[in-house]
Amino acid sequence: TLLARLDSKDWVLVCEALNHVRQLALFHKETIAEML
């Protein structure tokens, strides 16, 4: 899941997850608000 990737020790996975979070924040504000 996205949250698991953000908590990963692998920085490549974390960077990919952050990019997904940015996309969600731009295009799916409601979805990201539910995660917070």
PDB file of N, CA and C in Angstrom:
ATOM      1  N   THR A   1       0.838  -1.188   0.000  1.00  0.00           N
ATOM      2  CA  THR A   1       0.000   0.000   0.000  1.00  0.00           C
ATOM      3  C   THR A   1       0.880   1.246   0.000  1.00  0.00           C
ATOM      4  N   LEU A   2       0.245   2.338  -0.237  1.00  0.00           N
ATOM      5  CA  LEU A   2       0.969   3.607  -0.285  1.00  0.00           C
ATOM      6  C   LEU A   2       1.609   3.930   1.060  1.00  0.00           C
ATOM      7  N   LEU A   3       0.871   3.741   2.137  1.00  0.00           N
ATOM      8  CA  LEU A   3       1.418   4.050   3.460  1.00  0.00           C
ATOM      9  C   LEU A   3       2.577   3.134   3.821  1.00  0.00           C
ATOM     10  N   ALA A   4       2.503   1.885   3.415  1.00  0.00           N
ATOM     11  CA  ALA A   4       3.606   0.956   3.676  1.00  0.00           C
ATOM     12  C   ALA A   4       4.850   1.375   2.908  1.00  0.00           C
ATOM     13  N   ARG A   5       4.672   1.845   1.691  1.00  0.00           N
ATOM     14  CA  ARG A   5       5.825   2.302   0.904  1.00  0.00           C
ATOM     15  C   ARG A   5       6.458   3.546   1.518  1.00  0.00           C
ATOM     16  N   LEU A   6       5.639   4.435   2.061  1.00  0.00           N
ATOM     17  CA  LEU A   6       6.181   5.630   2.706  1.00  0.00           C
ATOM     18  C   LEU A   6       7.002   5.271   3.942  1.00  0.00           C
ATOM     19  N   ASP A   7       6.685   4.150   4.570  1.00  0.00           N
ATOM     20  CA  ASP A   7       7.377   3.718   5.785  1.00  0.00           C
ATOM     21  C   ASP A   7       8.539   2.770   5.489  1.00  0.00           C
ATOM     22  N   SER A   8       8.825   2.539   4.227  1.00  0.00           N
ATOM     23  CA  SER A   8       9.852   1.580   3.821  1.00  0.00           C
ATOM     24  C   SER A   8      11.257   2.096   4.125  1.00  0.00           C
ATOM     25  N   LYS A   9      12.176   1.169   4.287  1.00  0.00           N
ATOM     26  CA  LYS A   9      13.596   1.516   4.451  1.00  0.00           C
ATOM     27  C   LYS A   9      14.265   1.755   3.095  1.00  0.00           C
ATOM     28  N   ASP A  10      13.627   1.302   2.033  1.00  0.00           N
ATOM     29  CA  ASP A  10      14.158   1.450   0.674  1.00  0.00           C
ATOM     30  C   ASP A  10      13.789   2.838   0.149  1.00  0.00           C
ATOM     31  N   TRP A  11      14.794   3.701  -0.008  1.00  0.00           N
ATOM     32  CA  TRP A  11      14.511   5.087  -0.378  1.00  0.00           C
ATOM     33  C   TRP A  11      13.888   5.216  -1.760  1.00  0.00           C
ATOM     34  N   VAL A  12      14.131   4.263  -2.647  1.00  0.00           N
ATOM     35  CA  VAL A  12      13.522   4.307  -3.977  1.00  0.00           C
ATOM     36  C   VAL A  12      12.010   4.124  -3.849  1.00  0.00           C
ATOM     37  N   LEU A  13      11.586   3.189  -3.017  1.00  0.00           N
ATOM     38  CA  LEU A  13      10.151   2.986  -2.790  1.00  0.00           C
ATOM     39  C   LEU A  13       9.519   4.218  -2.150  1.00  0.00           C
ATOM     40  N   VAL A  14      10.233   4.836  -1.224  1.00  0.00           N
ATOM     41  CA  VAL A  14       9.716   6.030  -0.559  1.00  0.00           C
ATOM     42  C   VAL A  14       9.551   7.166  -1.567  1.00  0.00           C
ATOM     43  N   CYS A  15      10.519   7.352  -2.448  1.00  0.00           N
ATOM     44  CA  CYS A  15      10.435   8.406  -3.468  1.00  0.00           C
ATOM     45  C   CYS A  15       9.268   8.160  -4.416  1.00  0.00           C
ATOM     46  N   GLU A  16       9.076   6.914  -4.818  1.00  0.00           N
ATOM     47  CA  GLU A  16       7.945   6.584  -5.681  1.00  0.00           C
ATOM     48  C   GLU A  16       6.631   6.859  -4.959  1.00  0.00           C
ATOM     49  N   ALA A  17       6.572   6.504  -3.690  1.00  0.00           N
ATOM     50  CA  ALA A  17       5.361   6.743  -2.909  1.00  0.00           C
ATOM     51  C   ALA A  17       5.086   8.238  -2.777  1.00  0.00           C
ATOM     52  N   LEU A  18       6.128   9.024  -2.567  1.00  0.00           N
ATOM     53  CA  LEU A  18       5.947  10.474  -2.471  1.00  0.00           C
ATOM     54  C   LEU A  18       5.424  11.061  -3.780  1.00  0.00           C
ATOM     55  N   ASN A  19       5.894  10.540  -4.893  1.00  0.00           N
ATOM     56  CA  ASN A  19       5.376  10.996  -6.181  1.00  0.00           C
ATOM     57  C   ASN A  19       3.896  10.664  -6.321  1.00  0.00           C
ATOM     58  N   HIS A  20       3.493   9.486  -5.843  1.00  0.00           N
ATOM     59  CA  HIS A  20       2.079   9.125  -5.883  1.00  0.00           C
ATOM     60  C   HIS A  20       1.253  10.042  -4.981  1.00  0.00           C
ATOM     61  N   VAL A  21       1.800  10.380  -3.821  1.00  0.00           N
ATOM     62  CA  VAL A  21       1.103  11.295  -2.912  1.00  0.00           C
ATOM     63  C   VAL A  21       0.925  12.657  -3.578  1.00  0.00           C
ATOM     64  N   ARG A  22       1.943  13.125  -4.264  1.00  0.00           N
ATOM     65  CA  ARG A  22       1.843  14.412  -4.965  1.00  0.00           C
ATOM     66  C   ARG A  22       0.751  14.376  -6.028  1.00  0.00           C
ATOM     67  N   GLN A  23       0.698  13.285  -6.784  1.00  0.00           N
ATOM     68  CA  GLN A  23      -0.338  13.144  -7.811  1.00  0.00           C
ATOM     69  C   GLN A  23      -1.723  13.115  -7.182  1.00  0.00           C
ATOM     70  N   LEU A  24      -1.865  12.371  -6.095  1.00  0.00           N
ATOM     71  CA  LEU A  24      -3.157  12.329  -5.411  1.00  0.00           C
ATOM     72  C   LEU A  24      -3.547  13.711  -4.902  1.00  0.00           C
ATOM     73  N   ALA A  25      -2.587  14.426  -4.338  1.00  0.00           N
ATOM     74  CA  ALA A  25      -2.870  15.748  -3.789  1.00  0.00           C
ATOM     75  C   ALA A  25      -3.332  16.711  -4.878  1.00  0.00           C
ATOM     76  N   LEU A  26      -2.780  16.571  -6.071  1.00  0.00           N
ATOM     77  CA  LEU A  26      -3.166  17.461  -7.163  1.00  0.00           C
ATOM     78  C   LEU A  26      -4.515  17.098  -7.773  1.00  0.00           C
ATOM     79  N   PHE A  27      -4.741  15.813  -7.986  1.00  0.00           N
ATOM     80  CA  PHE A  27      -5.891  15.398  -8.784  1.00  0.00           C
ATOM     81  C   PHE A  27      -7.002  14.713  -7.996  1.00  0.00           C
ATOM     82  N   HIS A  28      -6.716  14.285  -6.771  1.00  0.00           N
ATOM     83  CA  HIS A  28      -7.716  13.565  -5.974  1.00  0.00           C
ATOM     84  C   HIS A  28      -7.646  14.031  -4.523  1.00  0.00           C
ATOM     85  N   LYS A  29      -7.943  15.283  -4.308  1.00  0.00           N
ATOM     86  CA  LYS A  29      -7.821  15.866  -2.973  1.00  0.00           C
ATOM     87  C   LYS A  29      -8.657  15.130  -1.937  1.00  0.00           C
ATOM     88  N   GLU A  30      -9.835  14.654  -2.340  1.00  0.00           N
ATOM     89  CA  GLU A  30     -10.715  13.961  -1.402  1.00  0.00           C
ATOM     90  C   GLU A  30     -10.077  12.655  -0.922  1.00  0.00           C
ATOM     91  N   THR A  31      -9.416  11.957  -1.843  1.00  0.00           N
ATOM     92  CA  THR A  31      -8.799  10.676  -1.505  1.00  0.00           C
ATOM     93  C   THR A  31      -7.663  10.870  -0.510  1.00  0.00           C
ATOM     94  N   ILE A  32      -6.840  11.858  -0.737  1.00  0.00           N
ATOM     95  CA  ILE A  32      -5.703  12.083   0.158  1.00  0.00           C
ATOM     96  C   ILE A  32      -6.190  12.581   1.517  1.00  0.00           C
ATOM     97  N   ALA A  33      -7.261  13.334   1.552  1.00  0.00           N
ATOM     98  CA  ALA A  33      -7.801  13.825   2.822  1.00  0.00           C
ATOM     99  C   ALA A  33      -8.272  12.670   3.697  1.00  0.00           C
ATOM    100  N   GLU A  34      -8.816  11.617   3.084  1.00  0.00           N
ATOM    101  CA  GLU A  34      -9.263  10.448   3.844  1.00  0.00           C
ATOM    102  C   GLU A  34      -8.081   9.733   4.490  1.00  0.00           C
ATOM    103  N   MET A  35      -6.918   9.748   3.851  1.00  0.00           N
ATOM    104  CA  MET A  35      -5.739   9.079   4.402  1.00  0.00           C
ATOM    105  C   MET A  35      -5.176   9.836   5.597  1.00  0.00           C
ATOM    106  N   LEU A  36      -5.378  11.133   5.613  1.00  0.00           N
ATOM    107  CA  LEU A  36      -4.839  11.936   6.702  1.00  0.00           C
ATOM    108  C   LEU A  36      -5.789  11.884   7.859  1.00  0.00           C
TER     109      LEU A  36
END
